Amino acid sequence: MKSEASTPVLIRARDAGRVSAWKLPDMTDAERDRLIALAQKPEPEPITEVKVVEEEIYAEKLTLAQWESIVEEARAEGLEQGRQEGVEAGRKEGLEQGLQQGLDEGRARIDAQLQQLESLIGQLQRPLEQQHQALEATILTLVEQLAAAVVQAELIARPELLNAAISDALNCLPPNSGPVRLRLNPDDCALLAKQAELQGWELIEDPAMTAGGCELLAGASRVDASVENRFAQVADQLKRRLLPATSDESPEEGGE
């Protein structure tokens, strides 16, 4: 028995349409690779269908009292939230202001304490400076007294030093001053008697003159070469070297 699929179909000429030539498909390498890639492409995942279910919500009818209660609760909740936020903001602002105020007060107290400390240090330094100055003056006076004693002993032990003092005094006289007169301690007059006779000096004894010193008179000129005067000059130079500030301030204090 022949199959119906193999039975030929007859088409009448009037029913036949336009016939086009059938061409062989493109079997080049590029086309073949494209077809193979399409054949190997995995199937897309099935799209899950989303079903929207519409549900009807039935609103319960609210009474006026219930609406007022809901509104009051919302208002109270809003007020409470606002109060908490305000309290938190106020607390932060208060902390910042308190911290700044504390810093300012702390700085003011520190400045005041520093001023008090500086004042106390100044009060302590003034007595120390005064004591230091008094100590310097005492030491200098002691040095003067000690030096005077040493000089006096040296002049007694070395009478020839008197000749040096007389020579220095003669060098201070202007030329042609006239005859020379020397006021000396009686003990020194005895020592210089022969030399005075040779030099033509006139010797005048004066017990008040310290041994080793003299006073030279020539015409209108007078040279004080006493031990006290020479020692005072040396001591004054020593004071100026050791206490320059005191020496500079002394004239100003005297002027006041």
C-alpha atoms as a PDB file:
ATOM      1  CA  MET A   1       0.000   0.000   0.000  1.00  0.00           C
ATOM      2  CA  LYS A   2       1.374   3.331  -1.039  1.00  0.00           C
ATOM      3  CA  SER A   3       1.697   6.102   1.405  1.00  0.00           C
ATOM      4  CA  GLU A   4      -0.336   9.257   0.934  1.00  0.00           C
ATOM      5  CA  ALA A   5       2.817  11.334   1.334  1.00  0.00           C
ATOM      6  CA  SER A   6       4.323   9.697  -1.768  1.00  0.00           C
ATOM      7  CA  THR A   7       1.265  10.382  -3.958  1.00  0.00           C
ATOM      8  CA  PRO A   8       2.085  13.071  -6.478  1.00  0.00           C
ATOM      9  CA  VAL A   9       0.046  16.290  -6.491  1.00  0.00           C
ATOM     10  CA  LEU A  10      -1.126  17.556  -9.821  1.00  0.00           C
ATOM     11  CA  ILE A  11      -1.365  21.339 -10.353  1.00  0.00           C
ATOM     12  CA  ARG A  12      -3.373  22.655 -13.223  1.00  0.00           C
ATOM     13  CA  ALA A  13      -1.736  25.140 -15.553  1.00  0.00           C
ATOM     14  CA  ARG A  14      -4.168  27.898 -14.694  1.00  0.00           C
ATOM     15  CA  ASP A  15      -3.474  27.385 -11.007  1.00  0.00           C
ATOM     16  CA  ALA A  16       0.313  27.363 -11.350  1.00  0.00           C
ATOM     17  CA  GLY A  17       2.058  30.573 -10.224  1.00  0.00           C
ATOM     18  CA  ARG A  18       5.324  32.001 -11.176  1.00  0.00           C
ATOM     19  CA  VAL A  19       8.130  29.517 -10.663  1.00  0.00           C
ATOM     20  CA  SER A  20      11.554  30.680  -9.355  1.00  0.00           C
ATOM     21  CA  ALA A  21      14.735  28.732  -9.630  1.00  0.00           C
ATOM     22  CA  TRP A  22      15.997  27.136  -6.434  1.00  0.00           C
ATOM     23  CA  LYS A  23      19.635  27.810  -5.590  1.00  0.00           C
ATOM     24  CA  LEU A  24      21.964  25.715  -3.518  1.00  0.00           C
ATOM     25  CA  PRO A  25      22.682  27.201  -0.083  1.00  0.00           C
ATOM     26  CA  ASP A  26      26.004  28.999   0.620  1.00  0.00           C
ATOM     27  CA  MET A  27      28.372  26.412   2.054  1.00  0.00           C
ATOM     28  CA  THR A  28      31.547  28.513   2.367  1.00  0.00           C
ATOM     29  CA  ASP A  29      33.688  28.161   5.506  1.00  0.00           C
ATOM     30  CA  ALA A  30      32.454  31.394   7.089  1.00  0.00           C
ATOM     31  CA  GLU A  31      28.813  30.512   6.551  1.00  0.00           C
ATOM     32  CA  ARG A  32      29.383  26.960   7.747  1.00  0.00           C
ATOM     33  CA  ASP A  33      31.011  28.218  10.973  1.00  0.00           C
ATOM     34  CA  ARG A  34      28.122  30.653  11.556  1.00  0.00           C
ATOM     35  CA  LEU A  35      25.559  27.893  11.151  1.00  0.00           C
ATOM     36  CA  ILE A  36      27.470  25.575  13.464  1.00  0.00           C
ATOM     37  CA  ALA A  37      27.695  28.329  16.107  1.00  0.00           C
ATOM     38  CA  LEU A  38      23.957  28.954  15.854  1.00  0.00           C
ATOM     39  CA  ALA A  39      23.273  25.265  16.224  1.00  0.00           C
ATOM     40  CA  GLN A  40      25.501  25.027  19.349  1.00  0.00           C
ATOM     41  CA  LYS A  41      24.032  28.163  21.056  1.00  0.00           C
ATOM     42  CA  PRO A  42      22.287  27.126  24.277  1.00  0.00           C
ATOM     43  CA  GLU A  43      18.619  27.533  24.536  1.00  0.00           C
ATOM     44  CA  PRO A  44      17.463  30.621  26.474  1.00  0.00           C
ATOM     45  CA  GLU A  45      16.231  30.083  29.957  1.00  0.00           C
ATOM     46  CA  PRO A  46      12.508  30.013  30.222  1.00  0.00           C
ATOM     47  CA  ILE A  47      10.986  33.277  31.346  1.00  0.00           C
ATOM     48  CA  THR A  48       9.142  32.926  34.584  1.00  0.00           C
ATOM     49  CA  GLU A  49       5.739  34.285  34.231  1.00  0.00           C
ATOM     50  CA  VAL A  50       4.867  36.856  36.846  1.00  0.00           C
ATOM     51  CA  LYS A  51       1.315  36.773  37.859  1.00  0.00           C
ATOM     52  CA  VAL A  52      -0.127  39.866  39.395  1.00  0.00           C
ATOM     53  CA  VAL A  53      -2.724  39.115  41.925  1.00  0.00           C
ATOM     54  CA  GLU A  54      -5.068  41.895  42.610  1.00  0.00           C
ATOM     55  CA  GLU A  55      -6.511  41.863  46.056  1.00  0.00           C
ATOM     56  CA  GLU A  56      -9.241  44.022  47.181  1.00  0.00           C
ATOM     57  CA  ILE A  57      -8.594  45.862  50.426  1.00  0.00           C
ATOM     58  CA  TYR A  58     -11.576  46.742  52.352  1.00  0.00           C
ATOM     59  CA  ALA A  59     -11.088  49.827  54.503  1.00  0.00           C
ATOM     60  CA  GLU A  60     -12.678  49.707  57.834  1.00  0.00           C
ATOM     61  CA  LYS A  61     -14.845  52.648  58.496  1.00  0.00           C
ATOM     62  CA  LEU A  62     -13.403  54.869  61.273  1.00  0.00           C
ATOM     63  CA  THR A  63     -15.417  56.965  63.609  1.00  0.00           C
ATOM     64  CA  LEU A  64     -14.687  60.631  64.347  1.00  0.00           C
ATOM     65  CA  ALA A  65     -13.320  59.767  67.784  1.00  0.00           C
ATOM     66  CA  GLN A  66     -10.906  57.239  66.257  1.00  0.00           C
ATOM     67  CA  TRP A  67      -9.695  59.852  63.740  1.00  0.00           C
ATOM     68  CA  GLU A  68      -9.153  62.361  66.521  1.00  0.00           C
ATOM     69  CA  SER A  69      -7.254  59.766  68.547  1.00  0.00           C
ATOM     70  CA  ILE A  70      -4.981  58.949  65.594  1.00  0.00           C
ATOM     71  CA  VAL A  71      -4.312  62.637  64.938  1.00  0.00           C
ATOM     72  CA  GLU A  72      -3.577  63.262  68.639  1.00  0.00           C
ATOM     73  CA  GLU A  73      -1.176  60.315  68.791  1.00  0.00           C
ATOM     74  CA  ALA A  74       0.659  61.546  65.668  1.00  0.00           C
ATOM     75  CA  ARG A  75       0.848  65.067  67.085  1.00  0.00           C
ATOM     76  CA  ALA A  76       2.144  63.795  70.444  1.00  0.00           C
ATOM     77  CA  GLU A  77       4.694  61.587  68.716  1.00  0.00           C
ATOM     78  CA  GLY A  78       5.888  64.538  66.626  1.00  0.00           C
ATOM     79  CA  LEU A  79       6.149  66.764  69.695  1.00  0.00           C
ATOM     80  CA  GLU A  80       8.120  64.138  71.604  1.00  0.00           C
ATOM     81  CA  GLN A  81      10.504  63.605  68.698  1.00  0.00           C
ATOM     82  CA  GLY A  82      10.972  67.380  68.351  1.00  0.00           C
ATOM     83  CA  ARG A  83      11.553  67.713  72.100  1.00  0.00           C
ATOM     84  CA  GLN A  84      14.190  64.961  72.091  1.00  0.00           C
ATOM     85  CA  GLU A  85      15.946  66.499  69.098  1.00  0.00           C
ATOM     86  CA  GLY A  86      15.822  69.934  70.776  1.00  0.00           C
ATOM     87  CA  VAL A  87      17.200  68.540  74.035  1.00  0.00           C
ATOM     88  CA  GLU A  88      20.050  66.802  72.204  1.00  0.00           C
ATOM     89  CA  ALA A  89      20.882  69.935  70.199  1.00  0.00           C
ATOM     90  CA  GLY A  90      20.712  72.073  73.345  1.00  0.00           C
ATOM     91  CA  ARG A  91      22.914  69.643  75.237  1.00  0.00           C
ATOM     92  CA  LYS A  92      25.570  69.733  72.502  1.00  0.00           C
ATOM     93  CA  GLU A  93      25.419  73.513  72.262  1.00  0.00           C
ATOM     94  CA  GLY A  94      25.597  73.806  76.050  1.00  0.00           C
ATOM     95  CA  LEU A  95      28.622  71.527  76.192  1.00  0.00           C
ATOM     96  CA  GLU A  96      30.410  73.560  73.545  1.00  0.00           C
ATOM     97  CA  GLN A  97      29.605  76.847  75.279  1.00  0.00           C
ATOM     98  CA  GLY A  98      30.591  75.428  78.650  1.00  0.00           C
ATOM     99  CA  LEU A  99      33.868  74.118  77.273  1.00  0.00           C
ATOM    100  CA  GLN A 100      34.732  77.480  75.709  1.00  0.00           C
ATOM    101  CA  GLN A 101      33.759  79.310  78.894  1.00  0.00           C
ATOM    102  CA  GLY A 102      35.889  76.915  80.940  1.00  0.00           C
ATOM    103  CA  LEU A 103      38.875  77.464  78.653  1.00  0.00           C
ATOM    104  CA  ASP A 104      38.498  81.246  78.892  1.00  0.00           C
ATOM    105  CA  GLU A 105      38.230  81.138  82.680  1.00  0.00           C
ATOM    106  CA  GLY A 106      41.222  78.796  82.876  1.00  0.00           C
ATOM    107  CA  ARG A 107      43.353  81.123  80.743  1.00  0.00           C
ATOM    108  CA  ALA A 108      42.341  84.102  82.887  1.00  0.00           C
ATOM    109  CA  ARG A 109      43.280  82.268  86.088  1.00  0.00           C
ATOM    110  CA  ILE A 110      46.615  81.152  84.652  1.00  0.00           C
ATOM    111  CA  ASP A 111      47.423  84.711  83.543  1.00  0.00           C
ATOM    112  CA  ALA A 112      46.562  86.043  86.997  1.00  0.00           C
ATOM    113  CA  GLN A 113      48.709  83.399  88.693  1.00  0.00           C
ATOM    114  CA  LEU A 114      51.607  84.146  86.351  1.00  0.00           C
ATOM    115  CA  GLN A 115      51.379  87.835  87.196  1.00  0.00           C
ATOM    116  CA  GLN A 116      51.393  87.032  90.903  1.00  0.00           C
ATOM    117  CA  LEU A 117      54.360  84.726  90.421  1.00  0.00           C
ATOM    118  CA  GLU A 118      56.290  87.375  88.491  1.00  0.00           C
ATOM    119  CA  SER A 119      55.509  89.903  91.208  1.00  0.00           C
ATOM    120  CA  LEU A 120      56.760  87.528  93.905  1.00  0.00           C
ATOM    121  CA  ILE A 121      59.938  86.789  91.950  1.00  0.00           C
ATOM    122  CA  GLY A 122      60.528  90.534  91.550  1.00  0.00           C
ATOM    123  CA  GLN A 123      60.034  91.075  95.279  1.00  0.00           C
ATOM    124  CA  LEU A 124      62.493  88.282  96.035  1.00  0.00           C
ATOM    125  CA  GLN A 125      65.066  89.544  93.570  1.00  0.00           C
ATOM    126  CA  ARG A 126      65.121  93.110  94.888  1.00  0.00           C
ATOM    127  CA  PRO A 127      66.401  92.155  98.371  1.00  0.00           C
ATOM    128  CA  LEU A 128      68.909  89.785  96.806  1.00  0.00           C
ATOM    129  CA  GLU A 129      70.177  92.546  94.525  1.00  0.00           C
ATOM    130  CA  GLN A 130      70.409  94.950  97.442  1.00  0.00           C
ATOM    131  CA  GLN A 131      72.264  92.367  99.511  1.00  0.00           C
ATOM    132  CA  HIS A 132      74.565  91.684  96.586  1.00  0.00           C
ATOM    133  CA  GLN A 133      75.380  95.378  96.202  1.00  0.00           C
ATOM    134  CA  ALA A 134      75.926  95.750  99.954  1.00  0.00           C
ATOM    135  CA  LEU A 135      78.190  92.710  99.934  1.00  0.00           C
ATOM    136  CA  GLU A 136      80.218  94.114  97.053  1.00  0.00           C
ATOM    137  CA  ALA A 137      80.638  97.435  98.867  1.00  0.00           C
ATOM    138  CA  THR A 138      81.686  95.649 102.066  1.00  0.00           C
ATOM    139  CA  ILE A 139      84.210  93.497 100.231  1.00  0.00           C
ATOM    140  CA  LEU A 140      85.618  96.528  98.448  1.00  0.00           C
ATOM    141  CA  THR A 141      85.968  98.446 101.718  1.00  0.00           C
ATOM    142  CA  LEU A 142      87.724  95.463 103.264  1.00  0.00           C
ATOM    143  CA  VAL A 143      90.088  95.268 100.297  1.00  0.00           C
ATOM    144  CA  GLU A 144      90.880  98.983 100.639  1.00  0.00           C
ATOM    145  CA  GLN A 145      91.658  98.654 104.316  1.00  0.00           C
ATOM    146  CA  LEU A 146      93.794  95.594 103.720  1.00  0.00           C
ATOM    147  CA  ALA A 147      95.646  97.260 100.846  1.00  0.00           C
ATOM    148  CA  ALA A 148      96.250 100.405 102.942  1.00  0.00           C
ATOM    149  CA  ALA A 149      97.776  98.318 105.727  1.00  0.00           C
ATOM    150  CA  VAL A 150     100.006  96.487 103.263  1.00  0.00           C
ATOM    151  CA  VAL A 151     101.125  99.743 101.625  1.00  0.00           C
ATOM    152  CA  GLN A 152     101.891 101.328 105.011  1.00  0.00           C
ATOM    153  CA  ALA A 153     103.965  98.336 106.053  1.00  0.00           C
ATOM    154  CA  GLU A 154     105.773  98.343 102.719  1.00  0.00           C
ATOM    155  CA  LEU A 155     106.634 102.045 103.008  1.00  0.00           C
ATOM    156  CA  ILE A 156     108.043 101.550 106.486  1.00  0.00           C
ATOM    157  CA  ALA A 157     110.085  98.530 105.401  1.00  0.00           C
ATOM    158  CA  ARG A 158     111.354 100.242 102.223  1.00  0.00           C
ATOM    159  CA  PRO A 159     112.196 103.911 102.816  1.00  0.00           C
ATOM    160  CA  GLU A 160     113.564 104.213  99.282  1.00  0.00           C
ATOM    161  CA  LEU A 161     109.997 104.251  98.003  1.00  0.00           C
ATOM    162  CA  LEU A 162     109.763 107.800  99.335  1.00  0.00           C
ATOM    163  CA  ASN A 163     112.385 108.888  96.784  1.00  0.00           C
ATOM    164  CA  ALA A 164     110.180 107.509  94.006  1.00  0.00           C
ATOM    165  CA  ALA A 165     107.210 109.460  95.337  1.00  0.00           C
ATOM    166  CA  ILE A 166     109.287 112.684  95.500  1.00  0.00           C
ATOM    167  CA  SER A 167     110.605 112.095  91.966  1.00  0.00           C
ATOM    168  CA  ASP A 168     107.055 111.667  90.616  1.00  0.00           C
ATOM    169  CA  ALA A 169     105.977 114.851  92.380  1.00  0.00           C
ATOM    170  CA  LEU A 170     108.911 116.848  90.931  1.00  0.00           C
ATOM    171  CA  ASN A 171     107.963 115.669  87.437  1.00  0.00           C
ATOM    172  CA  CYS A 172     104.511 117.197  87.933  1.00  0.00           C
ATOM    173  CA  LEU A 173     105.957 120.706  88.489  1.00  0.00           C
ATOM    174  CA  PRO A 174     106.060 123.141  85.574  1.00  0.00           C
ATOM    175  CA  PRO A 175     109.508 124.407  84.502  1.00  0.00           C
ATOM    176  CA  ASN A 176     111.081 127.258  86.520  1.00  0.00           C
ATOM    177  CA  SER A 177     108.659 126.838  89.380  1.00  0.00           C
ATOM    178  CA  GLY A 178     111.141 128.179  91.930  1.00  0.00           C
ATOM    179  CA  PRO A 179     112.652 126.714  95.106  1.00  0.00           C
ATOM    180  CA  VAL A 180     111.228 123.375  96.287  1.00  0.00           C
ATOM    181  CA  ARG A 181     109.811 122.831  99.747  1.00  0.00           C
ATOM    182  CA  LEU A 182     108.826 119.375 101.003  1.00  0.00           C
ATOM    183  CA  ARG A 183     106.393 118.727 103.841  1.00  0.00           C
ATOM    184  CA  LEU A 184     107.341 115.331 105.327  1.00  0.00           C
ATOM    185  CA  ASN A 185     106.854 113.125 108.329  1.00  0.00           C
ATOM    186  CA  PRO A 186     109.607 113.908 110.917  1.00  0.00           C
ATOM    187  CA  ASP A 187     111.071 110.418 110.494  1.00  0.00           C
ATOM    188  CA  ASP A 188     111.321 110.914 106.719  1.00  0.00           C
ATOM    189  CA  CYS A 189     112.968 114.322 107.199  1.00  0.00           C
ATOM    190  CA  ALA A 190     115.820 112.670 109.035  1.00  0.00           C
ATOM    191  CA  LEU A 191     116.257 110.183 106.194  1.00  0.00           C
ATOM    192  CA  LEU A 192     116.300 112.899 103.486  1.00  0.00           C
ATOM    193  CA  ALA A 193     118.407 115.498 105.278  1.00  0.00           C
ATOM    194  CA  LYS A 194     121.591 114.897 103.285  1.00  0.00           C
ATOM    195  CA  GLN A 195     119.799 114.566  99.930  1.00  0.00           C
ATOM    196  CA  ALA A 196     117.807 117.749 100.598  1.00  0.00           C
ATOM    197  CA  GLU A 197     121.009 119.650 101.340  1.00  0.00           C
ATOM    198  CA  LEU A 198     122.498 118.485  98.034  1.00  0.00           C
ATOM    199  CA  GLN A 199     119.343 119.277  96.005  1.00  0.00           C
ATOM    200  CA  GLY A 200     118.653 122.569  97.753  1.00  0.00           C
ATOM    201  CA  TRP A 201     115.268 121.429  99.080  1.00  0.00           C
ATOM    202  CA  GLU A 202     113.665 122.897 102.150  1.00  0.00           C
ATOM    203  CA  LEU A 203     112.287 120.219 104.471  1.00  0.00           C
ATOM    204  CA  ILE A 204     109.229 120.988 106.615  1.00  0.00           C
ATOM    205  CA  GLU A 205     108.348 118.541 109.372  1.00  0.00           C
ATOM    206  CA  ASP A 206     104.659 117.698 109.662  1.00  0.00           C
ATOM    207  CA  PRO A 207     103.644 114.992 112.190  1.00  0.00           C
ATOM    208  CA  ALA A 208     100.243 114.699 110.466  1.00  0.00           C
ATOM    209  CA  MET A 209     101.924 113.539 107.257  1.00  0.00           C
ATOM    210  CA  THR A 210     101.968 109.742 106.980  1.00  0.00           C
ATOM    211  CA  ALA A 211     105.444 108.279 106.632  1.00  0.00           C
ATOM    212  CA  GLY A 212     106.239 107.516 103.024  1.00  0.00           C
ATOM    213  CA  GLY A 213     104.285 110.472 101.689  1.00  0.00           C
ATOM    214  CA  CYS A 214     105.004 114.117 101.052  1.00  0.00           C
ATOM    215  CA  GLU A 215     103.579 117.415  99.884  1.00  0.00           C
ATOM    216  CA  LEU A 216     105.657 119.418  97.401  1.00  0.00           C
ATOM    217  CA  LEU A 217     105.469 123.213  97.212  1.00  0.00           C
ATOM    218  CA  ALA A 218     107.194 125.307  94.544  1.00  0.00           C
ATOM    219  CA  GLY A 219     106.114 128.896  93.937  1.00  0.00           C
ATOM    220  CA  ALA A 220     102.413 128.824  93.193  1.00  0.00           C
ATOM    221  CA  SER A 221     102.439 125.047  92.516  1.00  0.00           C
ATOM    222  CA  ARG A 222     101.396 122.359  94.966  1.00  0.00           C
ATOM    223  CA  VAL A 223     101.609 118.587  94.460  1.00  0.00           C
ATOM    224  CA  ASP A 224      99.932 116.271  96.971  1.00  0.00           C
ATOM    225  CA  ALA A 225     101.960 113.056  97.053  1.00  0.00           C
ATOM    226  CA  SER A 226     100.690 111.880 100.396  1.00  0.00           C
ATOM    227  CA  VAL A 227     100.098 108.210 100.966  1.00  0.00           C
ATOM    228  CA  GLU A 228      96.372 108.794 101.407  1.00  0.00           C
ATOM    229  CA  ASN A 229      96.027 110.715  98.149  1.00  0.00           C
ATOM    230  CA  ARG A 230      97.984 108.220  96.086  1.00  0.00           C
ATOM    231  CA  PHE A 231      96.132 105.302  97.621  1.00  0.00           C
ATOM    232  CA  ALA A 232      92.776 107.009  96.978  1.00  0.00           C
ATOM    233  CA  GLN A 233      93.655 107.380  93.282  1.00  0.00           C
ATOM    234  CA  VAL A 234      94.549 103.688  93.012  1.00  0.00           C
ATOM    235  CA  ALA A 235      91.410 102.657  94.931  1.00  0.00           C
ATOM    236  CA  ASP A 236      89.238 104.817  92.688  1.00  0.00           C
ATOM    237  CA  GLN A 237      90.644 103.111  89.602  1.00  0.00           C
ATOM    238  CA  LEU A 238      89.995  99.739  91.225  1.00  0.00           C
ATOM    239  CA  LYS A 239      86.390 100.685  91.979  1.00  0.00           C
ATOM    240  CA  ARG A 240      85.788 101.784  88.405  1.00  0.00           C
ATOM    241  CA  ARG A 241      87.072  98.447  87.120  1.00  0.00           C
ATOM    242  CA  LEU A 242      85.258  96.241  89.630  1.00  0.00           C
ATOM    243  CA  LEU A 243      82.024  98.241  89.929  1.00  0.00           C
ATOM    244  CA  PRO A 244      81.523 100.119  86.648  1.00  0.00           C
ATOM    245  CA  ALA A 245      77.742 100.353  87.065  1.00  0.00           C
ATOM    246  CA  THR A 246      78.014 101.753  90.589  1.00  0.00           C
ATOM    247  CA  SER A 247      80.580 104.292  89.465  1.00  0.00           C
ATOM    248  CA  ASP A 248      78.376 105.450  86.574  1.00  0.00           C
ATOM    249  CA  GLU A 249      75.278 105.807  88.757  1.00  0.00           C
ATOM    250  CA  SER A 250      77.029 107.670  91.586  1.00  0.00           C
ATOM    251  CA  PRO A 251      77.126 111.091  89.820  1.00  0.00           C
ATOM    252  CA  GLU A 252      73.442 110.786  88.887  1.00  0.00           C
ATOM    253  CA  GLU A 253      72.464 109.972  92.465  1.00  0.00           C
ATOM    254  CA  GLY A 254      74.534 112.919  93.682  1.00  0.00           C
ATOM    255  CA  GLY A 255      72.816 115.208  91.138  1.00  0.00           C
ATOM    256  CA  GLU A 256      69.407 114.246  92.434  1.00  0.00           C
END
